[in-house]
C-alpha atoms as a PDB file:
ATOM      1  CA  MET A   1       0.000   0.000   0.000  1.00  0.00           C
ATOM      2  CA  PRO A   2       1.153   3.610  -0.468  1.00  0.00           C
ATOM      3  CA  LEU A   3       4.114   4.785   1.547  1.00  0.00           C
ATOM      4  CA  ASN A   4       3.735   6.648   4.772  1.00  0.00           C
ATOM      5  CA  THR A   5       4.919  10.212   4.261  1.00  0.00           C
ATOM      6  CA  GLY A   6       5.969  10.580   7.897  1.00  0.00           C
ATOM      7  CA  GLU A   7       5.270  13.591  10.060  1.00  0.00           C
ATOM      8  CA  THR A   8       5.353  16.861   8.142  1.00  0.00           C
ATOM      9  CA  LYS A   9       4.520  20.462   8.871  1.00  0.00           C
ATOM     10  CA  CYS A  10       1.700  20.281   6.315  1.00  0.00           C
ATOM     11  CA  SER A  11      -1.799  20.059   7.734  1.00  0.00           C
ATOM     12  CA  THR A  12      -3.477  19.577   4.337  1.00  0.00           C
ATOM     13  CA  VAL A  13      -3.012  16.894   1.711  1.00  0.00           C
ATOM     14  CA  LEU A  14      -4.400  17.103  -1.813  1.00  0.00           C
ATOM     15  CA  PHE A  15      -5.267  13.991  -3.843  1.00  0.00           C
ATOM     16  CA  THR A  16      -5.779  13.509  -7.530  1.00  0.00           C
ATOM     17  CA  ALA A  17      -5.806  10.468  -9.806  1.00  0.00           C
ATOM     18  CA  VAL A  18      -4.123  10.236 -13.191  1.00  0.00           C
ATOM     19  CA  SER A  19      -4.866   7.676 -15.881  1.00  0.00           C
ATOM     20  CA  ASP A  20      -4.204   7.918 -19.623  1.00  0.00           C
ATOM     21  CA  TYR A  21      -3.200  11.579 -19.307  1.00  0.00           C
ATOM     22  CA  THR A  22      -0.201  13.268 -20.884  1.00  0.00           C
ATOM     23  CA  PRO A  23       1.607  16.228 -19.282  1.00  0.00           C
ATOM     24  CA  ALA A  24      -0.331  18.513 -21.631  1.00  0.00           C
ATOM     25  CA  ASN A  25      -3.650  17.178 -20.300  1.00  0.00           C
ATOM     26  CA  ILE A  26      -2.824  18.127 -16.700  1.00  0.00           C
ATOM     27  CA  ARG A  27      -0.623  21.194 -17.225  1.00  0.00           C
ATOM     28  CA  ASN A  28      -3.330  23.713 -16.248  1.00  0.00           C
ATOM     29  CA  PHE A  29      -4.077  21.793 -13.058  1.00  0.00           C
ATOM     30  CA  VAL A  30      -0.433  21.456 -12.052  1.00  0.00           C
ATOM     31  CA  GLN A  31       0.566  25.014 -12.881  1.00  0.00           C
ATOM     32  CA  SER A  32      -2.481  26.603 -11.296  1.00  0.00           C
ATOM     33  CA  LEU A  33      -1.874  24.694  -8.073  1.00  0.00           C
ATOM     34  CA  LYS A  34       1.685  25.999  -8.059  1.00  0.00           C
ATOM     35  CA  TYR A  35       0.590  29.613  -8.612  1.00  0.00           C
ATOM     36  CA  SER A  36      -2.203  29.333  -6.010  1.00  0.00           C
ATOM     37  CA  GLY A  37       0.308  29.228  -3.163  1.00  0.00           C
ATOM     38  CA  PHE A  38      -0.901  25.859  -1.906  1.00  0.00           C
ATOM     39  CA  SER A  39       1.733  24.632   0.558  1.00  0.00           C
ATOM     40  CA  GLY A  40       0.298  21.259   1.557  1.00  0.00           C
ATOM     41  CA  ASP A  41       1.390  17.864   0.295  1.00  0.00           C
ATOM     42  CA  LYS A  42       0.291  16.929  -3.215  1.00  0.00           C
ATOM     43  CA  VAL A  43      -0.309  13.234  -3.903  1.00  0.00           C
ATOM     44  CA  ALA A  44      -1.069  11.854  -7.362  1.00  0.00           C
ATOM     45  CA  PHE A  45      -2.215   8.267  -7.724  1.00  0.00           C
ATOM     46  CA  ALA A  46      -1.032   7.149 -11.150  1.00  0.00           C
ATOM     47  CA  PHE A  47      -2.902   4.260 -12.706  1.00  0.00           C
ATOM     48  CA  THR A  48      -2.314   3.773 -16.465  1.00  0.00           C
ATOM     49  CA  SER A  49       0.363   6.408 -17.093  1.00  0.00           C
ATOM     50  CA  GLN A  50       3.337   7.161 -19.312  1.00  0.00           C
ATOM     51  CA  TYR A  51       6.755   7.696 -17.753  1.00  0.00           C
ATOM     52  CA  SER A  52       6.689  11.301 -19.019  1.00  0.00           C
ATOM     53  CA  THR A  53       3.527  12.044 -17.039  1.00  0.00           C
ATOM     54  CA  ILE A  54       4.923  10.535 -13.853  1.00  0.00           C
ATOM     55  CA  GLU A  55       8.170  12.482 -14.258  1.00  0.00           C
ATOM     56  CA  TYR A  56       6.262  15.707 -14.900  1.00  0.00           C
ATOM     57  CA  LEU A  57       4.271  15.275 -11.691  1.00  0.00           C
ATOM     58  CA  ARG A  58       7.338  14.439  -9.604  1.00  0.00           C
ATOM     59  CA  ASN A  59       9.244  17.412 -11.001  1.00  0.00           C
ATOM     60  CA  SER A  60       6.238  19.555 -10.049  1.00  0.00           C
ATOM     61  CA  GLY A  61       6.424  18.522  -6.398  1.00  0.00           C
ATOM     62  CA  PHE A  62       3.891  15.689  -6.333  1.00  0.00           C
ATOM     63  CA  ILE A  63       4.283  12.467  -4.417  1.00  0.00           C
ATOM     64  CA  VAL A  64       3.421   9.941  -7.140  1.00  0.00           C
ATOM     65  CA  LEU A  65       2.043   6.583  -6.023  1.00  0.00           C
ATOM     66  CA  LEU A  66       1.450   3.536  -8.217  1.00  0.00           C
ATOM     67  CA  PRO A  67      -0.858   1.374  -6.121  1.00  0.00           C
ATOM     68  CA  THR A  68      -1.966  -1.220  -8.674  1.00  0.00           C
ATOM     69  CA  SER A  69       0.128  -0.589 -11.760  1.00  0.00           C
ATOM     70  CA  GLU A  70       2.177  -3.051 -13.807  1.00  0.00           C
ATOM     71  CA  GLN A  71       5.343  -1.681 -15.415  1.00  0.00           C
ATOM     72  CA  THR A  72       5.732  -1.711 -19.210  1.00  0.00           C
ATOM     73  CA  GLU A  73       8.230  -0.284 -21.714  1.00  0.00           C
ATOM     74  CA  TRP A  74       6.366   3.019 -21.932  1.00  0.00           C
ATOM     75  CA  GLY A  75       4.990   3.384 -18.413  1.00  0.00           C
ATOM     76  CA  TYR A  76       2.482   1.639 -16.166  1.00  0.00           C
ATOM     77  CA  ILE A  77      -0.852  -0.133 -16.735  1.00  0.00           C
ATOM     78  CA  HIS A  78      -3.564  -0.221 -14.077  1.00  0.00           C
ATOM     79  CA  THR A  79      -4.121  -3.850 -13.056  1.00  0.00           C
ATOM     80  CA  GLN A  80      -6.594  -4.959 -10.430  1.00  0.00           C
ATOM     81  CA  PRO A  81      -5.314  -7.385  -7.760  1.00  0.00           C
ATOM     82  CA  ASN A  82      -6.693 -10.930  -7.780  1.00  0.00           C
ATOM     83  CA  GLY A  83     -10.078 -11.177  -6.132  1.00  0.00           C
ATOM     84  CA  TYR A  84     -10.892  -7.483  -6.613  1.00  0.00           C
ATOM     85  CA  PRO A  85     -13.808  -6.228  -8.754  1.00  0.00           C
ATOM     86  CA  ARG A  86     -13.011  -5.385 -12.363  1.00  0.00           C
ATOM     87  CA  LYS A  87     -10.939  -2.216 -12.595  1.00  0.00           C
ATOM     88  CA  ASN A  88     -12.611   1.163 -12.760  1.00  0.00           C
ATOM     89  CA  VAL A  89     -10.339   4.134 -12.098  1.00  0.00           C
ATOM     90  CA  PHE A  90     -13.262   6.460 -11.331  1.00  0.00           C
ATOM     91  CA  SER A  91     -14.135   4.532  -8.187  1.00  0.00           C
ATOM     92  CA  ASP A  92     -10.862   2.657  -7.535  1.00  0.00           C
ATOM     93  CA  ARG A  93      -9.134   5.943  -6.725  1.00  0.00           C
ATOM     94  CA  PHE A  94     -11.304   6.402  -3.641  1.00  0.00           C
ATOM     95  CA  LEU A  95     -10.147   3.107  -2.157  1.00  0.00           C
ATOM     96  CA  TYR A  96      -6.520   4.226  -2.330  1.00  0.00           C
ATOM     97  CA  TYR A  97      -7.321   7.707  -1.035  1.00  0.00           C
ATOM     98  CA  SER A  98      -8.904   6.059   1.992  1.00  0.00           C
ATOM     99  CA  LEU A  99      -6.022   3.659   2.580  1.00  0.00           C
ATOM    100  CA  PHE A 100      -3.510   6.493   2.327  1.00  0.00           C
ATOM    101  CA  LEU A 101      -5.306   8.523   4.987  1.00  0.00           C
ATOM    102  CA  LYS A 102      -5.450   5.511   7.298  1.00  0.00           C
ATOM    103  CA  SER A 103      -1.655   5.220   6.968  1.00  0.00           C
ATOM    104  CA  ASN A 104      -0.969   8.956   7.242  1.00  0.00           C
ATOM    105  CA  THR A 105      -2.976  10.259  10.170  1.00  0.00           C
ATOM    106  CA  HIS A 106      -0.981  13.441  10.751  1.00  0.00           C
ATOM    107  CA  TYR A 107      -2.926  15.499   8.192  1.00  0.00           C
ATOM    108  CA  LYS A 108      -5.844  17.567   9.446  1.00  0.00           C
ATOM    109  CA  TYR A 109      -7.557  18.227   6.114  1.00  0.00           C
ATOM    110  CA  CYS A 110      -7.837  16.493   2.766  1.00  0.00           C
ATOM    111  CA  ILE A 111      -8.883  17.812  -0.630  1.00  0.00           C
ATOM    112  CA  SER A 112      -9.571  15.527  -3.585  1.00  0.00           C
ATOM    113  CA  THR A 113     -10.134  16.849  -7.084  1.00  0.00           C
ATOM    114  CA  ASP A 114     -10.136  15.768 -10.678  1.00  0.00           C
ATOM    115  CA  CYS A 115      -7.144  17.064 -12.583  1.00  0.00           C
ATOM    116  CA  ARG A 116      -7.841  17.356 -16.312  1.00  0.00           C
ATOM    117  CA  ASP A 117     -10.567  19.990 -15.920  1.00  0.00           C
ATOM    118  CA  VAL A 118      -9.723  21.606 -12.575  1.00  0.00           C
ATOM    119  CA  ILE A 119      -7.690  24.729 -11.814  1.00  0.00           C
ATOM    120  CA  PHE A 120      -6.922  26.538  -8.549  1.00  0.00           C
ATOM    121  CA  GLN A 121      -7.072  30.324  -8.298  1.00  0.00           C
ATOM    122  CA  HIS A 122      -6.070  30.606  -4.628  1.00  0.00           C
ATOM    123  CA  ASP A 123      -4.940  28.299  -1.820  1.00  0.00           C
ATOM    124  CA  PRO A 124      -8.121  26.656  -0.471  1.00  0.00           C
ATOM    125  CA  SER A 125      -6.594  25.548   2.842  1.00  0.00           C
ATOM    126  CA  ASN A 126      -7.775  28.404   5.069  1.00  0.00           C
ATOM    127  CA  TYR A 127     -11.316  28.054   3.776  1.00  0.00           C
ATOM    128  CA  LEU A 128     -11.461  24.525   5.186  1.00  0.00           C
ATOM    129  CA  SER A 129     -10.888  25.797   8.699  1.00  0.00           C
ATOM    130  CA  GLN A 130     -13.406  28.584   8.230  1.00  0.00           C
ATOM    131  CA  LYS A 131     -16.210  26.333   7.029  1.00  0.00           C
ATOM    132  CA  LEU A 132     -15.508  23.166   8.999  1.00  0.00           C
ATOM    133  CA  ASP A 133     -13.955  24.083  12.344  1.00  0.00           C
ATOM    134  CA  ASP A 134     -16.096  27.168  12.866  1.00  0.00           C
ATOM    135  CA  LYS A 135     -19.280  25.210  12.060  1.00  0.00           C
ATOM    136  CA  ASP A 136     -18.215  21.920  13.678  1.00  0.00           C
ATOM    137  CA  LEU A 137     -18.667  20.023  10.395  1.00  0.00           C
ATOM    138  CA  ASP A 138     -16.559  17.416   8.615  1.00  0.00           C
ATOM    139  CA  ILE A 139     -17.123  17.590   4.844  1.00  0.00           C
ATOM    140  CA  ILE A 140     -17.474  20.262   2.153  1.00  0.00           C
ATOM    141  CA  GLY A 141     -19.770  19.127  -0.639  1.00  0.00           C
ATOM    142  CA  SER A 142     -19.807  21.131  -3.863  1.00  0.00           C
ATOM    143  CA  LEU A 143     -23.292  21.446  -5.342  1.00  0.00           C
ATOM    144  CA  GLU A 144     -23.974  21.622  -9.061  1.00  0.00           C
ATOM    145  CA  ASP A 145     -27.081  23.692  -8.258  1.00  0.00           C
ATOM    146  CA  ILE A 146     -29.386  21.566 -10.381  1.00  0.00           C
ATOM    147  CA  GLU A 147     -31.681  18.602  -9.735  1.00  0.00           C
ATOM    148  CA  TYR A 148     -31.406  15.229 -11.436  1.00  0.00           C
ATOM    149  CA  PRO A 149     -34.337  15.587 -13.894  1.00  0.00           C
ATOM    150  CA  PHE A 150     -32.670  18.617 -15.471  1.00  0.00           C
ATOM    151  CA  GLU A 151     -29.175  17.141 -15.935  1.00  0.00           C
ATOM    152  CA  ASN A 152     -29.199  14.225 -18.367  1.00  0.00           C
ATOM    153  CA  TRP A 153     -25.782  12.702 -17.637  1.00  0.00           C
ATOM    154  CA  ASN A 154     -26.305  12.480 -13.881  1.00  0.00           C
ATOM    155  CA  ASP A 155     -29.896  11.314 -14.208  1.00  0.00           C
ATOM    156  CA  GLU A 156     -28.975   8.527 -16.628  1.00  0.00           C
ATOM    157  CA  ASN A 157     -25.953   7.523 -14.548  1.00  0.00           C
ATOM    158  CA  LEU A 158     -28.097   7.156 -11.444  1.00  0.00           C
ATOM    159  CA  ARG A 159     -30.896   5.354 -13.295  1.00  0.00           C
ATOM    160  CA  ILE A 160     -28.586   2.798 -14.925  1.00  0.00           C
ATOM    161  CA  ASN A 161     -26.144   2.170 -12.100  1.00  0.00           C
ATOM    162  CA  PHE A 162     -28.477   2.482  -9.102  1.00  0.00           C
ATOM    163  CA  PRO A 163     -32.072   1.999 -10.285  1.00  0.00           C
ATOM    164  CA  GLU A 164     -33.099   1.259  -6.682  1.00  0.00           C
ATOM    165  CA  PHE A 165     -32.299   4.861  -5.705  1.00  0.00           C
ATOM    166  CA  HIS A 166     -33.345   6.673  -8.871  1.00  0.00           C
ATOM    167  CA  MET A 167     -36.750   7.889  -7.732  1.00  0.00           C
ATOM    168  CA  SER A 168     -35.728   8.764  -4.169  1.00  0.00           C
ATOM    169  CA  LEU A 169     -32.908  11.063  -5.343  1.00  0.00           C
ATOM    170  CA  ARG A 170     -34.682  12.780  -8.225  1.00  0.00           C
ATOM    171  CA  THR A 171     -35.648  15.807  -6.133  1.00  0.00           C
ATOM    172  CA  LYS A 172     -32.130  16.201  -4.738  1.00  0.00           C
ATOM    173  CA  ILE A 173     -29.610  18.758  -5.920  1.00  0.00           C
ATOM    174  CA  ILE A 174     -26.580  17.007  -7.420  1.00  0.00           C
ATOM    175  CA  VAL A 175     -23.293  17.088  -5.510  1.00  0.00           C
ATOM    176  CA  ASN A 176     -20.120  16.861  -7.609  1.00  0.00           C
ATOM    177  CA  ALA A 177     -17.570  14.142  -6.805  1.00  0.00           C
ATOM    178  CA  GLY A 178     -14.838  15.975  -8.723  1.00  0.00           C
ATOM    179  CA  VAL A 179     -14.175  18.325  -5.784  1.00  0.00           C
ATOM    180  CA  ILE A 180     -14.493  16.958  -2.244  1.00  0.00           C
ATOM    181  CA  ALA A 181     -12.806  18.260   0.907  1.00  0.00           C
ATOM    182  CA  GLY A 182     -12.927  17.764   4.630  1.00  0.00           C
ATOM    183  CA  LYS A 183     -11.290  16.528   7.805  1.00  0.00           C
ATOM    184  CA  THR A 184      -9.128  13.503   7.195  1.00  0.00           C
ATOM    185  CA  SER A 185     -10.747  10.899   9.432  1.00  0.00           C
ATOM    186  CA  PRO A 186     -14.284  11.443   8.092  1.00  0.00           C
ATOM    187  CA  MET A 187     -12.876  11.783   4.575  1.00  0.00           C
ATOM    188  CA  SER A 188     -11.201   8.390   4.870  1.00  0.00           C
ATOM    189  CA  GLU A 189     -14.547   6.867   5.825  1.00  0.00           C
ATOM    190  CA  LEU A 190     -16.332   8.722   3.038  1.00  0.00           C
ATOM    191  CA  PHE A 191     -13.823   7.613   0.383  1.00  0.00           C
ATOM    192  CA  GLN A 192     -14.100   4.015   1.550  1.00  0.00           C
ATOM    193  CA  SER A 193     -17.894   4.181   1.405  1.00  0.00           C
ATOM    194  CA  ILE A 194     -17.882   5.703  -2.099  1.00  0.00           C
ATOM    195  CA  TYR A 195     -15.716   2.827  -3.259  1.00  0.00           C
ATOM    196  CA  LEU A 196     -17.900   0.163  -1.664  1.00  0.00           C
ATOM    197  CA  ILE A 197     -21.174   1.585  -2.995  1.00  0.00           C
ATOM    198  CA  SER A 198     -19.595   2.008  -6.432  1.00  0.00           C
ATOM    199  CA  ILE A 199     -18.972  -1.735  -6.550  1.00  0.00           C
ATOM    200  CA  GLY A 200     -22.708  -2.289  -6.178  1.00  0.00           C
ATOM    201  CA  GLY A 201     -23.399   0.117  -9.027  1.00  0.00           C
ATOM    202  CA  ARG A 202     -21.098  -1.799 -11.342  1.00  0.00           C
ATOM    203  CA  LYS A 203     -23.463  -4.771 -11.248  1.00  0.00           C
ATOM    204  CA  HIS A 204     -25.935  -2.681 -13.242  1.00  0.00           C
ATOM    205  CA  SER A 205     -23.445  -0.734 -15.366  1.00  0.00           C
ATOM    206  CA  SER A 206     -23.706  -0.813 -19.114  1.00  0.00           C
ATOM    207  CA  ILE A 207     -20.749  -0.283 -21.399  1.00  0.00           C
ATOM    208  CA  LYS A 208     -21.918   3.290 -21.913  1.00  0.00           C
ATOM    209  CA  LEU A 209     -21.786   4.320 -18.263  1.00  0.00           C
ATOM    210  CA  THR A 210     -19.107   2.841 -16.029  1.00  0.00           C
ATOM    211  CA  SER A 211     -18.451   5.870 -13.800  1.00  0.00           C
ATOM    212  CA  THR A 212     -20.380   5.002 -10.636  1.00  0.00           C
ATOM    213  CA  ASP A 213     -18.572   7.217  -8.127  1.00  0.00           C
ATOM    214  CA  GLN A 214     -20.705  10.328  -8.631  1.00  0.00           C
ATOM    215  CA  SER A 215     -23.970   8.498  -8.017  1.00  0.00           C
ATOM    216  CA  ALA A 216     -22.481   6.587  -5.072  1.00  0.00           C
ATOM    217  CA  TYR A 217     -21.347   9.864  -3.492  1.00  0.00           C
ATOM    218  CA  ASN A 218     -24.807  11.382  -3.878  1.00  0.00           C
ATOM    219  CA  ILE A 219     -26.479   8.323  -2.352  1.00  0.00           C
ATOM    220  CA  LEU A 220     -24.234   8.692   0.694  1.00  0.00           C
ATOM    221  CA  LEU A 221     -24.912  12.404   1.101  1.00  0.00           C
ATOM    222  CA  SER A 222     -28.651  11.776   0.877  1.00  0.00           C
ATOM    223  CA  GLN A 223     -28.343   9.964   4.212  1.00  0.00           C
ATOM    224  CA  LYS A 224     -28.757  12.014   7.362  1.00  0.00           C
ATOM    225  CA  ILE A 225     -25.631  10.589   8.996  1.00  0.00           C
ATOM    226  CA  TRP A 226     -23.572  12.216   6.210  1.00  0.00           C
ATOM    227  CA  SER A 227     -25.682  15.239   5.304  1.00  0.00           C
ATOM    228  CA  ASP A 228     -25.660  16.459   8.911  1.00  0.00           C
ATOM    229  CA  ARG A 229     -21.843  16.469   8.814  1.00  0.00           C
ATOM    230  CA  THR A 230     -21.578  18.353   5.501  1.00  0.00           C
ATOM    231  CA  TRP A 231     -21.432  22.007   4.535  1.00  0.00           C
ATOM    232  CA  TYR A 232     -22.752  22.426   0.983  1.00  0.00           C
ATOM    233  CA  SER A 233     -21.266  25.099  -1.237  1.00  0.00           C
ATOM    234  CA  THR A 234     -23.088  26.511  -4.237  1.00  0.00           C
ATOM    235  CA  ASN A 235     -21.911  28.514  -7.216  1.00  0.00           C
ATOM    236  CA  ALA A 236     -22.797  31.591  -5.143  1.00  0.00           C
ATOM    237  CA  ASP A 237     -19.985  30.699  -2.720  1.00  0.00           C
ATOM    238  CA  PRO A 238     -16.284  31.267  -3.493  1.00  0.00           C
ATOM    239  CA  TRP A 239     -15.298  27.645  -2.780  1.00  0.00           C
ATOM    240  CA  ALA A 240     -15.680  25.782  -6.100  1.00  0.00           C
ATOM    241  CA  ALA A 241     -17.319  26.692  -9.397  1.00  0.00           C
ATOM    242  CA  GLN A 242     -19.137  23.736 -10.962  1.00  0.00           C
ATOM    243  CA  ILE A 243     -19.559  24.827 -14.553  1.00  0.00           C
ATOM    244  CA  GLY A 244     -20.662  21.649 -16.354  1.00  0.00           C
ATOM    245  CA  SER A 245     -24.325  21.613 -15.359  1.00  0.00           C
ATOM    246  CA  TYR A 246     -24.566  25.366 -15.710  1.00  0.00           C
ATOM    247  CA  VAL A 247     -23.497  25.082 -19.339  1.00  0.00           C
ATOM    248  CA  ALA A 248     -25.965  22.286 -20.030  1.00  0.00           C
ATOM    249  CA  ASN A 249     -29.059  23.972 -18.602  1.00  0.00           C
ATOM    250  CA  GLN A 250     -28.650  27.661 -17.922  1.00  0.00           C
ATOM    251  CA  GLN A 251     -32.403  28.252 -17.902  1.00  0.00           C
ATOM    252  CA  TYR A 252     -32.854  26.192 -14.764  1.00  0.00           C
ATOM    253  CA  PHE A 253     -30.264  28.207 -12.874  1.00  0.00           C
ATOM    254  CA  HIS A 254     -32.021  31.422 -13.830  1.00  0.00           C
ATOM    255  CA  SER A 255     -35.437  30.131 -12.834  1.00  0.00           C
ATOM    256  CA  SER A 256     -34.059  29.054  -9.461  1.00  0.00           C
ATOM    257  CA  ARG A 257     -32.264  32.375  -8.971  1.00  0.00           C
ATOM    258  CA  ILE A 258     -28.919  30.626  -8.661  1.00  0.00           C
ATOM    259  CA  SER A 259     -25.796  32.726  -9.018  1.00  0.00           C
ATOM    260  CA  LEU A 260     -23.951  31.713 -12.179  1.00  0.00           C
ATOM    261  CA  PRO A 261     -20.145  31.517 -12.429  1.00  0.00           C
ATOM    262  CA  GLN A 262     -18.649  34.446 -14.317  1.00  0.00           C
ATOM    263  CA  PHE A 263     -15.344  34.909 -16.124  1.00  0.00           C
ATOM    264  CA  ARG A 264     -14.085  38.496 -16.032  1.00  0.00           C
ATOM    265  CA  GLU A 265     -10.621  39.838 -16.779  1.00  0.00           C
ATOM    266  CA  GLY A 266      -9.134  36.371 -16.607  1.00  0.00           C
ATOM    267  CA  ILE A 267     -10.708  35.477 -13.244  1.00  0.00           C
ATOM    268  CA  PHE A 268     -13.545  33.075 -12.468  1.00  0.00           C
ATOM    269  CA  MET A 269     -15.809  34.708  -9.884  1.00  0.00           C
ATOM    270  CA  ASN A 270     -19.271  34.607  -8.367  1.00  0.00           C
ATOM    271  CA  GLU A 271     -21.869  37.364  -8.610  1.00  0.00           C
ATOM    272  CA  LYS A 272     -20.278  39.158  -5.647  1.00  0.00           C
ATOM    273  CA  ARG A 273     -17.066  39.297  -7.695  1.00  0.00           C
ATOM    274  CA  GLU A 274     -15.347  36.940  -5.258  1.00  0.00           C
ATOM    275  CA  PRO A 275     -12.798  34.711  -7.041  1.00  0.00           C
ATOM    276  CA  TYR A 276     -13.467  31.002  -6.737  1.00  0.00           C
ATOM    277  CA  LEU A 277     -10.732  29.044  -5.017  1.00  0.00           C
ATOM    278  CA  ILE A 278     -11.306  26.036  -7.290  1.00  0.00           C
ATOM    279  CA  VAL A 279     -12.782  25.949 -10.789  1.00  0.00           C
ATOM    280  CA  HIS A 280     -14.139  22.689 -12.232  1.00  0.00           C
ATOM    281  CA  GLN A 281     -15.176  21.943 -15.830  1.00  0.00           C
ATOM    282  CA  TYR A 282     -14.095  25.311 -17.198  1.00  0.00           C
ATOM    283  CA  ASP A 283     -13.349  23.488 -20.455  1.00  0.00           C
ATOM    284  CA  ARG A 284     -17.083  23.131 -21.171  1.00  0.00           C
ATOM    285  CA  ILE A 285     -17.034  26.695 -22.546  1.00  0.00           C
ATOM    286  CA  LYS A 286     -14.639  26.924 -25.478  1.00  0.00           C
ATOM    287  CA  LYS A 287     -13.547  30.550 -25.011  1.00  0.00           C
ATOM    288  CA  TRP A 288     -12.972  30.001 -21.300  1.00  0.00           C
ATOM    289  CA  LYS A 289     -10.833  26.934 -21.982  1.00  0.00           C
ATOM    290  CA  GLU A 290      -8.806  28.823 -24.604  1.00  0.00           C
ATOM    291  CA  ALA A 291      -8.150  31.635 -22.132  1.00  0.00           C
ATOM    292  CA  VAL A 292      -6.998  29.197 -19.440  1.00  0.00           C
ATOM    293  CA  ASP A 293      -4.813  27.270 -21.883  1.00  0.00           C
ATOM    294  CA  ILE A 294      -3.066  30.446 -22.993  1.00  0.00           C
ATOM    295  CA  PHE A 295      -2.512  31.615 -19.417  1.00  0.00           C
ATOM    296  CA  TYR A 296      -0.764  28.409 -18.349  1.00  0.00           C
ATOM    297  CA  ILE A 297       1.419  27.885 -21.427  1.00  0.00           C
END
């Protein structure tokens, strides 16, 4: 299992998972994190990855872990251990996040994000203390500000992978699994639970939809034992912009009077002109992606 980092001065650890990405695919993520001033430990779990990607991450200050990968001439291939469910990087990553936290208990906070379509505008560490310690909560959940019936991908994912829960969650606002943060002990439990529920979803999965982690995460947060421990951010808060659903169905945001993410003078901000700390799925809007790509060349 992943190495123990030992005691450090860092109170926050950031996780991401890399599979089938080149350095160019993750450049914006890596560079933005550097410019944000984030001073915690950065851990990348590399599944199927080229040597060049692993080297790029290490040279950028990441601890790179290869929990289930078989070495080849060009890099590593993600292989599932004997007796494990068939491989699925989307949910497998959460197992290894959980195991890492169980082996490295000195961190106070943990942030997990996607990497291909995520950038950081500022260090999010202080915000964790503000929203969790001050409110005596454990998790920050990032809302997409839209219900299942109005977002086709999420609705179909839930219906196919977890038909038992489809009707009971249809009135819920979707929470995005691409940005999750919280205190490390509860986060370890949450990651483990996402992984375990995802395995159940795979029994229903079709070839078209194999990403079960998002639905599993939402099933968990629909339970009182988790929802009571969670602070939910919206696009009106400066925590994390979730742009994907907004792009798909702007009319539903307007009808619900939800504050939409804005992009002004090279900064992603909310309606109060507060810069978001984290921006997710900025690439869904072509001109926004082009602006980000140019900035981080």
